[in-house]
PDB file of N, CA and C in Angstrom:
ATOM      1  N   MET A   1     119.568  12.130 -15.314  1.00  0.00           N
ATOM      2  CA  MET A   1     119.538  11.242 -13.858  1.00  0.00           C
ATOM      3  C   MET A   1     119.096  10.169 -13.511  1.00  0.00           C
ATOM      4  N   VAL A   2     119.075   9.121 -13.285  1.00  0.00           N
ATOM      5  CA  VAL A   2     118.580   7.497 -12.878  1.00  0.00           C
ATOM      6  C   VAL A   2     119.098   7.276 -11.722  1.00  0.00           C
ATOM      7  N   ARG A   3     117.792   7.384 -10.871  1.00  0.00           N
ATOM      8  CA  ARG A   3     117.804   6.878  -9.292  1.00  0.00           C
ATOM      9  C   ARG A   3     117.847   5.440  -9.752  1.00  0.00           C
ATOM     10  N   ASP A   4     118.530   5.311  -8.164  1.00  0.00           N
ATOM     11  CA  ASP A   4     118.174   3.857  -7.493  1.00  0.00           C
ATOM     12  C   ASP A   4     117.080   3.728  -7.092  1.00  0.00           C
ATOM     13  N   GLU A   5     116.433   2.967  -7.008  1.00  0.00           N
ATOM     14  CA  GLU A   5     114.915   2.559  -6.239  1.00  0.00           C
ATOM     15  C   GLU A   5     115.914   1.990  -5.154  1.00  0.00           C
ATOM     16  N   GLY A   6     116.619   1.192  -5.017  1.00  0.00           N
ATOM     17  CA  GLY A   6     117.070  -0.104  -4.130  1.00  0.00           C
ATOM     18  C   GLY A   6     117.646   1.002  -2.946  1.00  0.00           C
ATOM     19  N   LYS A   7     117.790   2.359  -2.842  1.00  0.00           N
ATOM     20  CA  LYS A   7     118.885   2.758  -1.832  1.00  0.00           C
ATOM     21  C   LYS A   7     118.018   3.711  -1.111  1.00  0.00           C
ATOM     22  N   HIS A   8     116.715   3.721  -1.949  1.00  0.00           N
ATOM     23  CA  HIS A   8     115.659   4.929  -0.848  1.00  0.00           C
ATOM     24  C   HIS A   8     115.227   4.250   0.166  1.00  0.00           C
ATOM     25  N   PRO A   9     114.574   5.002   1.025  1.00  0.00           N
ATOM     26  CA  PRO A   9     113.628   4.213   2.570  1.00  0.00           C
ATOM     27  C   PRO A   9     112.295   4.238   1.320  1.00  0.00           C
ATOM     28  N   PRO A  10     111.462   3.369   2.239  1.00  0.00           N
ATOM     29  CA  PRO A  10     110.518   3.277   2.108  1.00  0.00           C
ATOM     30  C   PRO A  10     109.476   4.380   1.831  1.00  0.00           C
ATOM     31  N   SER A  11     108.391   5.106   0.931  1.00  0.00           N
ATOM     32  CA  SER A  11     107.576   6.124   1.552  1.00  0.00           C
ATOM     33  C   SER A  11     106.957   5.652   2.696  1.00  0.00           C
ATOM     34  N   VAL A  12     105.867   6.455   3.235  1.00  0.00           N
ATOM     35  CA  VAL A  12     105.614   6.478   4.659  1.00  0.00           C
ATOM     36  C   VAL A  12     103.795   5.813   4.043  1.00  0.00           C
ATOM     37  N   THR A  13     103.192   6.292   2.410  1.00  0.00           N
ATOM     38  CA  THR A  13     102.195   5.007   1.965  1.00  0.00           C
ATOM     39  C   THR A  13     102.483   3.448   1.775  1.00  0.00           C
ATOM     40  N   ASP A  14     103.967   3.522   1.457  1.00  0.00           N
ATOM     41  CA  ASP A  14     104.577   1.950   1.653  1.00  0.00           C
ATOM     42  C   ASP A  14     104.024   1.487   2.564  1.00  0.00           C
ATOM     43  N   VAL A  15     103.664   1.996   3.861  1.00  0.00           N
ATOM     44  CA  VAL A  15     103.930   1.120   5.358  1.00  0.00           C
ATOM     45  C   VAL A  15     102.400   0.845   5.396  1.00  0.00           C
ATOM     46  N   PRO A  16     102.443  -0.473   5.622  1.00  0.00           N
ATOM     47  CA  PRO A  16     101.029  -0.989   6.265  1.00  0.00           C
ATOM     48  C   PRO A  16     100.692  -0.312   7.749  1.00  0.00           C
ATOM     49  N   PRO A  17      99.450  -0.600   7.645  1.00  0.00           N
ATOM     50  CA  PRO A  17      98.508  -0.054   9.091  1.00  0.00           C
ATOM     51  C   PRO A  17      99.572  -0.860  10.405  1.00  0.00           C
ATOM     52  N   SER A  18      99.503  -0.046  11.173  1.00  0.00           N
ATOM     53  CA  SER A  18      99.666  -0.788  12.258  1.00  0.00           C
ATOM     54  C   SER A  18      98.662  -2.317  12.637  1.00  0.00           C
ATOM     55  N   ALA A  19      99.251  -2.848  13.860  1.00  0.00           N
ATOM     56  CA  ALA A  19      98.726  -4.104  13.823  1.00  0.00           C
ATOM     57  C   ALA A  19      97.617  -3.486  14.664  1.00  0.00           C
ATOM     58  N   ASP A  20      97.345  -2.537  15.337  1.00  0.00           N
ATOM     59  CA  ASP A  20      96.565  -1.826  16.319  1.00  0.00           C
ATOM     60  C   ASP A  20      95.578  -0.932  15.631  1.00  0.00           C
ATOM     61  N   ASP A  21      95.673   0.212  14.342  1.00  0.00           N
ATOM     62  CA  ASP A  21      95.263   0.457  13.666  1.00  0.00           C
ATOM     63  C   ASP A  21      94.227  -0.255  13.118  1.00  0.00           C
ATOM     64  N   GLU A  22      94.554  -1.756  13.032  1.00  0.00           N
ATOM     65  CA  GLU A  22      93.900  -2.924  11.892  1.00  0.00           C
ATOM     66  C   GLU A  22      92.964  -3.391  12.880  1.00  0.00           C
ATOM     67  N   LEU A  23      93.194  -3.952  13.665  1.00  0.00           N
ATOM     68  CA  LEU A  23      92.061  -4.160  14.890  1.00  0.00           C
ATOM     69  C   LEU A  23      91.312  -3.383  15.172  1.00  0.00           C
ATOM     70  N   ARG A  24      91.650  -2.051  14.880  1.00  0.00           N
ATOM     71  CA  ARG A  24      90.778  -1.205  15.677  1.00  0.00           C
ATOM     72  C   ARG A  24      89.604  -1.379  14.279  1.00  0.00           C
ATOM     73  N   HIS A  25      89.900  -1.212  13.008  1.00  0.00           N
ATOM     74  CA  HIS A  25      89.685  -1.262  11.699  1.00  0.00           C
ATOM     75  C   HIS A  25      88.271  -2.079  11.485  1.00  0.00           C
ATOM     76  N   ARG A  26      88.933  -3.513  11.690  1.00  0.00           N
ATOM     77  CA  ARG A  26      87.925  -4.571  11.487  1.00  0.00           C
ATOM     78  C   ARG A  26      87.085  -4.810  13.061  1.00  0.00           C
ATOM     79  N   ARG A  27      87.890  -4.259  14.171  1.00  0.00           N
ATOM     80  CA  ARG A  27      86.427  -3.895  15.603  1.00  0.00           C
ATOM     81  C   ARG A  27      85.040  -3.061  14.776  1.00  0.00           C
ATOM     82  N   ARG A  28      85.625  -2.464  14.254  1.00  0.00           N
ATOM     83  CA  ARG A  28      84.321  -1.033  13.612  1.00  0.00           C
ATOM     84  C   ARG A  28      83.663  -1.694  12.781  1.00  0.00           C
ATOM     85  N   VAL A  29      84.420  -2.571  11.666  1.00  0.00           N
ATOM     86  CA  VAL A  29      83.245  -3.062  10.386  1.00  0.00           C
ATOM     87  C   VAL A  29      82.350  -4.359  11.067  1.00  0.00           C
ATOM     88  N   TYR A  30      83.231  -4.985  11.797  1.00  0.00           N
ATOM     89  CA  TYR A  30      82.418  -5.757  12.658  1.00  0.00           C
ATOM     90  C   TYR A  30      80.899  -5.473  13.895  1.00  0.00           C
ATOM     91  N   THR A  31      81.388  -4.089  13.989  1.00  0.00           N
ATOM     92  CA  THR A  31      79.878  -3.518  14.845  1.00  0.00           C
ATOM     93  C   THR A  31      79.052  -3.304  13.798  1.00  0.00           C
ATOM     94  N   VAL A  32      79.709  -2.664  12.855  1.00  0.00           N
ATOM     95  CA  VAL A  32      78.556  -2.084  12.548  1.00  0.00           C
ATOM     96  C   VAL A  32      77.338  -2.858  11.256  1.00  0.00           C
ATOM     97  N   ILE A  33      78.280  -4.235  10.323  1.00  0.00           N
ATOM     98  CA  ILE A  33      77.964  -5.572  10.368  1.00  0.00           C
ATOM     99  C   ILE A  33      76.590  -5.996  11.596  1.00  0.00           C
ATOM    100  N   MET A  34      77.279  -5.779  12.516  1.00  0.00           N
ATOM    101  CA  MET A  34      76.089  -6.728  13.676  1.00  0.00           C
ATOM    102  C   MET A  34      75.095  -6.017  13.865  1.00  0.00           C
ATOM    103  N   ALA A  35      75.633  -4.711  13.615  1.00  0.00           N
ATOM    104  CA  ALA A  35      74.000  -3.843  13.983  1.00  0.00           C
ATOM    105  C   ALA A  35      73.212  -3.727  12.960  1.00  0.00           C
ATOM    106  N   ILE A  36      73.539  -4.006  11.738  1.00  0.00           N
ATOM    107  CA  ILE A  36      72.847  -4.209  10.140  1.00  0.00           C
ATOM    108  C   ILE A  36      72.070  -5.590  10.529  1.00  0.00           C
ATOM    109  N   HIS A  37      72.766  -6.508  11.294  1.00  0.00           N
ATOM    110  CA  HIS A  37      72.329  -7.624  11.362  1.00  0.00           C
ATOM    111  C   HIS A  37      71.280  -7.753  12.388  1.00  0.00           C
ATOM    112  N   LEU A  38      71.292  -6.515  13.644  1.00  0.00           N
ATOM    113  CA  LEU A  38      70.558  -6.931  14.030  1.00  0.00           C
ATOM    114  C   LEU A  38      69.220  -5.952  14.142  1.00  0.00           C
ATOM    115  N   VAL A  39      69.151  -4.518  13.617  1.00  0.00           N
ATOM    116  CA  VAL A  39      67.793  -4.156  12.990  1.00  0.00           C
ATOM    117  C   VAL A  39      67.363  -4.946  11.919  1.00  0.00           C
ATOM    118  N   GLY A  40      68.072  -5.139  11.180  1.00  0.00           N
ATOM    119  CA  GLY A  40      67.143  -6.210   9.931  1.00  0.00           C
ATOM    120  C   GLY A  40      66.865  -7.158  10.689  1.00  0.00           C
ATOM    121  N   PHE A  41      66.647  -8.408  11.428  1.00  0.00           N
ATOM    122  CA  PHE A  41      66.431  -9.570  12.304  1.00  0.00           C
ATOM    123  C   PHE A  41      65.273  -8.667  12.759  1.00  0.00           C
ATOM    124  N   ALA A  42      65.385  -7.615  13.701  1.00  0.00           N
ATOM    125  CA  ALA A  42      63.717  -7.214  14.327  1.00  0.00           C
ATOM    126  C   ALA A  42      63.391  -5.920  13.615  1.00  0.00           C
ATOM    127  N   VAL A  43      63.869  -5.579  12.338  1.00  0.00           N
ATOM    128  CA  VAL A  43      62.040  -5.503  11.134  1.00  0.00           C
ATOM    129  C   VAL A  43      61.853  -6.273  10.822  1.00  0.00           C
ATOM    130  N   GLY A  44      62.597  -7.299  10.055  1.00  0.00           N
ATOM    131  CA  GLY A  44      62.172  -8.780  10.106  1.00  0.00           C
ATOM    132  C   GLY A  44      60.712  -9.409  10.453  1.00  0.00           C
ATOM    133  N   GLY A  45      61.435  -9.949  11.771  1.00  0.00           N
ATOM    134  CA  GLY A  45      60.235 -10.038  12.652  1.00  0.00           C
ATOM    135  C   GLY A  45      58.988  -9.275  13.023  1.00  0.00           C
ATOM    136  N   ALA A  46      59.275  -8.487  13.022  1.00  0.00           N
ATOM    137  CA  ALA A  46      58.299  -7.078  12.835  1.00  0.00           C
ATOM    138  C   ALA A  46      57.250  -7.020  12.252  1.00  0.00           C
ATOM    139  N   LEU A  47      57.949  -7.168  11.134  1.00  0.00           N
ATOM    140  CA  LEU A  47      57.511  -7.648   9.578  1.00  0.00           C
ATOM    141  C   LEU A  47      56.897  -8.934   9.557  1.00  0.00           C
ATOM    142  N   TYR A  48      57.137  -9.515   9.795  1.00  0.00           N
ATOM    143  CA  TYR A  48      56.674 -11.523   9.498  1.00  0.00           C
ATOM    144  C   TYR A  48      55.015 -11.786  10.122  1.00  0.00           C
ATOM    145  N   GLU A  49      54.861 -10.447  10.740  1.00  0.00           N
ATOM    146  CA  GLU A  49      53.068 -10.958  11.529  1.00  0.00           C
ATOM    147  C   GLU A  49      52.299 -10.470  10.852  1.00  0.00           C
ATOM    148  N   ARG A  50      53.062  -9.125   9.818  1.00  0.00           N
ATOM    149  CA  ARG A  50      51.869  -8.482   9.034  1.00  0.00           C
ATOM    150  C   ARG A  50      52.423  -8.230   7.588  1.00  0.00           C
ATOM    151  N   ALA A  51      53.359  -8.912   6.696  1.00  0.00           N
ATOM    152  CA  ALA A  51      53.130  -9.254   5.531  1.00  0.00           C
ATOM    153  C   ALA A  51      54.908  -9.956   5.454  1.00  0.00           C
ATOM    154  N   TRP A  52      54.299 -11.780   6.184  1.00  0.00           N
ATOM    155  CA  TRP A  52      55.164 -12.499   6.555  1.00  0.00           C
ATOM    156  C   TRP A  52      55.958 -12.800   5.134  1.00  0.00           C
ATOM    157  N   TRP A  53      55.808 -12.810   4.051  1.00  0.00           N
ATOM    158  CA  TRP A  53      56.565 -12.795   2.436  1.00  0.00           C
ATOM    159  C   TRP A  53      58.216 -12.033   3.040  1.00  0.00           C
ATOM    160  N   THR A  54      57.463 -10.551   3.235  1.00  0.00           N
ATOM    161  CA  THR A  54      58.561  -9.549   3.341  1.00  0.00           C
ATOM    162  C   THR A  54      59.689  -9.488   4.646  1.00  0.00           C
ATOM    163  N   GLY A  55      58.770 -10.107   5.727  1.00  0.00           N
ATOM    164  CA  GLY A  55      59.667 -10.499   7.541  1.00  0.00           C
ATOM    165  C   GLY A  55      60.666 -11.582   6.743  1.00  0.00           C
ATOM    166  N   LEU A  56      60.279 -12.996   6.010  1.00  0.00           N
ATOM    167  CA  LEU A  56      60.861 -13.827   5.949  1.00  0.00           C
ATOM    168  C   LEU A  56      62.268 -13.539   4.886  1.00  0.00           C
ATOM    169  N   ILE A  57      61.979 -12.730   4.061  1.00  0.00           N
ATOM    170  CA  ILE A  57      62.930 -12.160   3.002  1.00  0.00           C
ATOM    171  C   ILE A  57      63.846 -11.271   3.947  1.00  0.00           C
ATOM    172  N   ILE A  58      63.400 -10.714   4.498  1.00  0.00           N
ATOM    173  CA  ILE A  58      64.616  -9.759   4.992  1.00  0.00           C
ATOM    174  C   ILE A  58      65.631 -10.119   6.266  1.00  0.00           C
ATOM    175  N   ILE A  59      64.351 -11.559   7.060  1.00  0.00           N
ATOM    176  CA  ILE A  59      65.386 -12.641   7.765  1.00  0.00           C
ATOM    177  C   ILE A  59      66.230 -13.355   7.404  1.00  0.00           C
ATOM    178  N   ILE A  60      66.596 -14.009   6.208  1.00  0.00           N
ATOM    179  CA  ILE A  60      67.292 -14.947   5.129  1.00  0.00           C
ATOM    180  C   ILE A  60      67.734 -13.845   4.319  1.00  0.00           C
ATOM    181  N   VAL A  61      67.977 -13.116   4.479  1.00  0.00           N
ATOM    182  CA  VAL A  61      68.959 -11.727   3.730  1.00  0.00           C
ATOM    183  C   VAL A  61      69.916 -11.310   5.070  1.00  0.00           C
ATOM    184  N   THR A  62      69.631 -11.086   6.293  1.00  0.00           N
ATOM    185  CA  THR A  62      69.985 -10.723   7.398  1.00  0.00           C
ATOM    186  C   THR A  62      71.094 -11.290   8.365  1.00  0.00           C
ATOM    187  N   GLY A  63      70.280 -12.654   7.829  1.00  0.00           N
ATOM    188  CA  GLY A  63      70.701 -14.046   8.616  1.00  0.00           C
ATOM    189  C   GLY A  63      72.415 -14.459   8.750  1.00  0.00           C
ATOM    190  N   PRO A  64      72.641 -14.515   7.247  1.00  0.00           N
ATOM    191  CA  PRO A  64      74.490 -14.674   7.073  1.00  0.00           C
ATOM    192  C   PRO A  64      75.130 -13.709   7.848  1.00  0.00           C
ATOM    193  N   LEU A  65      74.980 -12.198   7.924  1.00  0.00           N
ATOM    194  CA  LEU A  65      75.391 -11.438   8.280  1.00  0.00           C
ATOM    195  C   LEU A  65      76.845 -12.143   9.607  1.00  0.00           C
ATOM    196  N   GLN A  66      75.872 -12.347  10.438  1.00  0.00           N
ATOM    197  CA  GLN A  66      76.513 -12.663  11.682  1.00  0.00           C
ATOM    198  C   GLN A  66      78.077 -13.281  11.090  1.00  0.00           C
ATOM    199  N   TRP A  67      77.869 -14.364  10.342  1.00  0.00           N
ATOM    200  CA  TRP A  67      78.793 -15.316   9.672  1.00  0.00           C
ATOM    201  C   TRP A  67      79.968 -14.426   9.190  1.00  0.00           C
ATOM    202  N   VAL A  68      79.635 -13.150   8.219  1.00  0.00           N
ATOM    203  CA  VAL A  68      80.635 -12.821   7.235  1.00  0.00           C
ATOM    204  C   VAL A  68      81.195 -11.723   8.603  1.00  0.00           C
ATOM    205  N   ALA A  69      80.398 -11.145   9.005  1.00  0.00           N
ATOM    206  CA  ALA A  69      81.068  -9.770  10.086  1.00  0.00           C
ATOM    207  C   ALA A  69      81.857 -10.899  10.617  1.00  0.00           C
ATOM    208  N   VAL A  70      81.940 -12.366  11.418  1.00  0.00           N
ATOM    209  CA  VAL A  70      83.152 -12.504  11.685  1.00  0.00           C
ATOM    210  C   VAL A  70      84.192 -13.023  11.167  1.00  0.00           C
ATOM    211  N   LEU A  71      83.702 -13.732   9.937  1.00  0.00           N
ATOM    212  CA  LEU A  71      85.038 -14.113   8.693  1.00  0.00           C
ATOM    213  C   LEU A  71      86.024 -12.341   8.410  1.00  0.00           C
ATOM    214  N   ILE A  72      85.071 -11.619   8.171  1.00  0.00           N
ATOM    215  CA  ILE A  72      85.765 -10.601   7.775  1.00  0.00           C
ATOM    216  C   ILE A  72      86.321  -9.625   9.573  1.00  0.00           C
ATOM    217  N   ALA A  73      86.132  -9.966  10.444  1.00  0.00           N
ATOM    218  CA  ALA A  73      86.719  -9.213  11.903  1.00  0.00           C
ATOM    219  C   ALA A  73      87.977 -10.708  11.805  1.00  0.00           C
ATOM    220  N   ASN A  74      87.898 -11.766  11.723  1.00  0.00           N
ATOM    221  CA  ASN A  74      89.278 -12.426  11.619  1.00  0.00           C
ATOM    222  C   ASN A  74      89.977 -12.472  10.443  1.00  0.00           C
ATOM    223  N   ALA A  75      89.775 -11.687   9.742  1.00  0.00           N
ATOM    224  CA  ALA A  75      90.884 -12.053   8.783  1.00  0.00           C
ATOM    225  C   ALA A  75      91.548 -10.476   8.383  1.00  0.00           C
ATOM    226  N   ALA A  76      92.716 -10.558   8.960  1.00  0.00           N
ATOM    227  CA  ALA A  76      93.663  -9.682   9.269  1.00  0.00           C
ATOM    228  C   ALA A  76      94.590  -9.643   7.812  1.00  0.00           C
ATOM    229  N   SER A  77      94.904  -8.564   7.482  1.00  0.00           N
ATOM    230  CA  SER A  77      95.426  -8.068   6.119  1.00  0.00           C
ATOM    231  C   SER A  77      97.073  -8.838   6.177  1.00  0.00           C
ATOM    232  N   PRO A  78      97.241  -9.369   4.948  1.00  0.00           N
ATOM    233  CA  PRO A  78      98.306  -9.937   5.080  1.00  0.00           C
ATOM    234  C   PRO A  78      99.843  -9.298   4.724  1.00  0.00           C
ATOM    235  N   ARG A  79     100.976  -9.848   6.380  1.00  0.00           N
ATOM    236  CA  ARG A  79     102.080  -8.916   6.691  1.00  0.00           C
ATOM    237  C   ARG A  79     103.059  -9.258   5.494  1.00  0.00           C
ATOM    238  N   PRO A  80     103.829  -8.650   5.034  1.00  0.00           N
ATOM    239  CA  PRO A  80     105.054  -8.708   4.158  1.00  0.00           C
ATOM    240  C   PRO A  80     106.054  -9.561   5.125  1.00  0.00           C
ATOM    241  N   ARG A  81     106.539 -10.761   4.104  1.00  0.00           N
ATOM    242  CA  ARG A  81     107.560 -11.453   5.129  1.00  0.00           C
ATOM    243  C   ARG A  81     108.791 -10.534   5.090  1.00  0.00           C
ATOM    244  N   PRO A  82     109.048 -10.976   6.230  1.00  0.00           N
ATOM    245  CA  PRO A  82     111.413 -10.466   5.686  1.00  0.00           C
ATOM    246  C   PRO A  82     111.874 -11.282   4.971  1.00  0.00           C
ATOM    247  N   ALA A  83     113.141 -10.177   5.077  1.00  0.00           N
ATOM    248  CA  ALA A  83     114.070 -11.047   3.940  1.00  0.00           C
ATOM    249  C   ALA A  83     114.370 -12.273   4.539  1.00  0.00           C
ATOM    250  N   SER A  84     115.075 -13.286   3.532  1.00  0.00           N
ATOM    251  CA  SER A  84     115.518 -14.126   4.574  1.00  0.00           C
ATOM    252  C   SER A  84     116.803 -13.131   4.792  1.00  0.00           C
ATOM    253  N   ARG A  85     117.970 -14.315   6.221  1.00  0.00           N
ATOM    254  CA  ARG A  85     118.339 -14.043   6.788  1.00  0.00           C
ATOM    255  C   ARG A  85     119.179 -14.521   6.056  1.00  0.00           C
ATOM    256  N   VAL A  86     119.444 -15.754   5.312  1.00  0.00           N
ATOM    257  CA  VAL A  86     120.808 -16.551   4.765  1.00  0.00           C
ATOM    258  C   VAL A  86     121.501 -16.012   3.828  1.00  0.00           C
ATOM    259  N   PRO A  87     122.634 -15.255   3.672  1.00  0.00           N
ATOM    260  CA  PRO A  87     123.018 -14.646   2.761  1.00  0.00           C
ATOM    261  C   PRO A  87     123.281 -15.342   1.609  1.00  0.00           C
ATOM    262  N   PRO A  88     123.176 -15.213   0.088  1.00  0.00           N
ATOM    263  CA  PRO A  88     123.652 -15.741  -0.849  1.00  0.00           C
ATOM    264  C   PRO A  88     124.343 -15.617  -1.544  1.00  0.00           C
ATOM    265  N   GLY A  89     124.579 -17.139  -1.999  1.00  0.00           N
ATOM    266  CA  GLY A  89     125.892 -17.829  -2.069  1.00  0.00           C
ATOM    267  C   GLY A  89     126.012 -19.038  -1.852  1.00  0.00           C
ATOM    268  N   PRO A  90     127.115 -19.865  -2.247  1.00  0.00           N
ATOM    269  CA  PRO A  90     127.189 -20.949  -1.191  1.00  0.00           C
ATOM    270  C   PRO A  90     127.863 -21.079   0.718  1.00  0.00           C
ATOM    271  N   ILE A  91     126.322 -22.021   1.125  1.00  0.00           N
ATOM    272  CA  ILE A  91     126.387 -21.977   2.768  1.00  0.00           C
ATOM    273  C   ILE A  91     127.905 -22.860   3.192  1.00  0.00           C
ATOM    274  N   ARG A  92     127.909 -21.734   3.936  1.00  0.00           N
ATOM    275  CA  ARG A  92     129.779 -22.448   4.689  1.00  0.00           C
ATOM    276  C   ARG A  92     129.445 -23.012   6.336  1.00  0.00           C
ATOM    277  N   ARG A  93     129.525 -24.285   6.507  1.00  0.00           N
ATOM    278  CA  ARG A  93     129.816 -24.847   7.790  1.00  0.00           C
ATOM    279  C   ARG A  93     130.619 -24.229   9.392  1.00  0.00           C
ATOM    280  N   ALA A  94     129.571 -24.016  10.030  1.00  0.00           N
ATOM    281  CA  ALA A  94     130.354 -22.854  11.004  1.00  0.00           C
ATOM    282  C   ALA A  94     131.223 -23.647  11.904  1.00  0.00           C
ATOM    283  N   LEU A  95     131.125 -24.697  11.575  1.00  0.00           N
ATOM    284  CA  LEU A  95     132.000 -26.275  12.938  1.00  0.00           C
ATOM    285  C   LEU A  95     133.409 -25.980  12.344  1.00  0.00           C
ATOM    286  N   GLY A  96     133.227 -25.821  10.661  1.00  0.00           N
ATOM    287  CA  GLY A  96     134.917 -26.615  10.423  1.00  0.00           C
ATOM    288  C   GLY A  96     134.310 -27.775   9.483  1.00  0.00           C
ATOM    289  N   PRO A  97     135.717 -28.126   8.942  1.00  0.00           N
ATOM    290  CA  PRO A  97     135.592 -29.442   8.266  1.00  0.00           C
ATOM    291  C   PRO A  97     134.851 -30.879   8.829  1.00  0.00           C
ATOM    292  N   VAL A  98     134.837 -31.641   8.210  1.00  0.00           N
ATOM    293  CA  VAL A  98     133.573 -33.037   8.478  1.00  0.00           C
ATOM    294  C   VAL A  98     135.268 -33.429   9.069  1.00  0.00           C
ATOM    295  N   ARG A  99     134.833 -34.824  10.322  1.00  0.00           N
ATOM    296  CA  ARG A  99     136.277 -35.170  10.798  1.00  0.00           C
ATOM    297  C   ARG A  99     135.997 -36.641  10.183  1.00  0.00           C
ATOM    298  N   SER A 100     136.484 -37.149   9.762  1.00  0.00           N
ATOM    299  CA  SER A 100     136.171 -38.634   9.727  1.00  0.00           C
ATOM    300  C   SER A 100     136.329 -39.480  11.230  1.00  0.00           C
ATOM    301  N   PRO A 101     135.395 -40.930  11.162  1.00  0.00           N
ATOM    302  CA  PRO A 101     135.550 -41.328  12.131  1.00  0.00           C
ATOM    303  C   PRO A 101     136.841 -42.087  12.903  1.00  0.00           C
ATOM    304  N   PRO A 102     137.507 -41.901  14.124  1.00  0.00           N
ATOM    305  CA  PRO A 102     138.705 -42.842  14.007  1.00  0.00           C
ATOM    306  C   PRO A 102     138.872 -44.105  13.480  1.00  0.00           C
ATOM    307  N   GLY A 103     139.912 -45.321  13.462  1.00  0.00           N
ATOM    308  CA  GLY A 103     140.408 -45.933  13.526  1.00  0.00           C
ATOM    309  C   GLY A 103     140.075 -47.159  14.140  1.00  0.00           C
ATOM    310  N   PRO A 104     140.305 -48.625  14.112  1.00  0.00           N
ATOM    311  CA  PRO A 104     139.952 -49.412  15.062  1.00  0.00           C
ATOM    312  C   PRO A 104     139.923 -49.347  16.506  1.00  0.00           C
ATOM    313  N   GLY A 105     140.103 -49.722  17.705  1.00  0.00           N
ATOM    314  CA  GLY A 105     140.094 -49.782  18.487  1.00  0.00           C
ATOM    315  C   GLY A 105     140.127 -47.686  18.903  1.00  0.00           C
ATOM    316  N   ALA A 106     139.356 -46.900  18.709  1.00  0.00           N
ATOM    317  CA  ALA A 106     139.318 -45.726  18.736  1.00  0.00           C
ATOM    318  C   ALA A 106     138.699 -45.196  20.485  1.00  0.00           C
ATOM    319  N   GLY A 107     138.090 -46.832  20.439  1.00  0.00           N
ATOM    320  CA  GLY A 107     137.048 -46.255  22.383  1.00  0.00           C
ATOM    321  C   GLY A 107     135.871 -46.282  21.953  1.00  0.00           C
ATOM    322  N   ASP A 108     135.688 -45.140  22.378  1.00  0.00           N
ATOM    323  CA  ASP A 108     133.900 -44.515  22.265  1.00  0.00           C
ATOM    324  C   ASP A 108     133.454 -43.541  21.676  1.00  0.00           C
ATOM    325  N   TRP A 109     133.859 -44.019  20.200  1.00  0.00           N
ATOM    326  CA  TRP A 109     133.106 -43.509  19.284  1.00  0.00           C
ATOM    327  C   TRP A 109     131.472 -44.016  18.756  1.00  0.00           C
ATOM    328  N   PRO A 110     131.460 -42.883  17.913  1.00  0.00           N
ATOM    329  CA  PRO A 110     130.759 -41.761  18.463  1.00  0.00           C
ATOM    330  C   PRO A 110     129.680 -41.977  19.573  1.00  0.00           C
ATOM    331  N   ARG A 111     129.823 -40.911  20.723  1.00  0.00           N
ATOM    332  CA  ARG A 111     128.846 -40.410  21.598  1.00  0.00           C
ATOM    333  C   ARG A 111     128.648 -39.637  21.851  1.00  0.00           C
TER     334      ARG A 111
END
């Protein structure tokens, strides 16, 4: 027996996450990355006085994390586009046939 895939509803696993869930996840990721950035920046600053090269490396590595966190927080997952509302086949005019303008002396054509 062959199943027709087009007639079955989508599975729960196929449905994208809701906008609230996605926003909550992006906020959580942003918070974690910024916490790593702040801790690394503080540790790098503290180590800069004792071992300047180690502190400098940590500061350089954790410096771009704030921009990475913003990019990740602003990047929403792509949403599927809704299906086109135009029915397949030739497009028909809803207003009826096109009229030609009247002959000379028709008055105020077109207005």
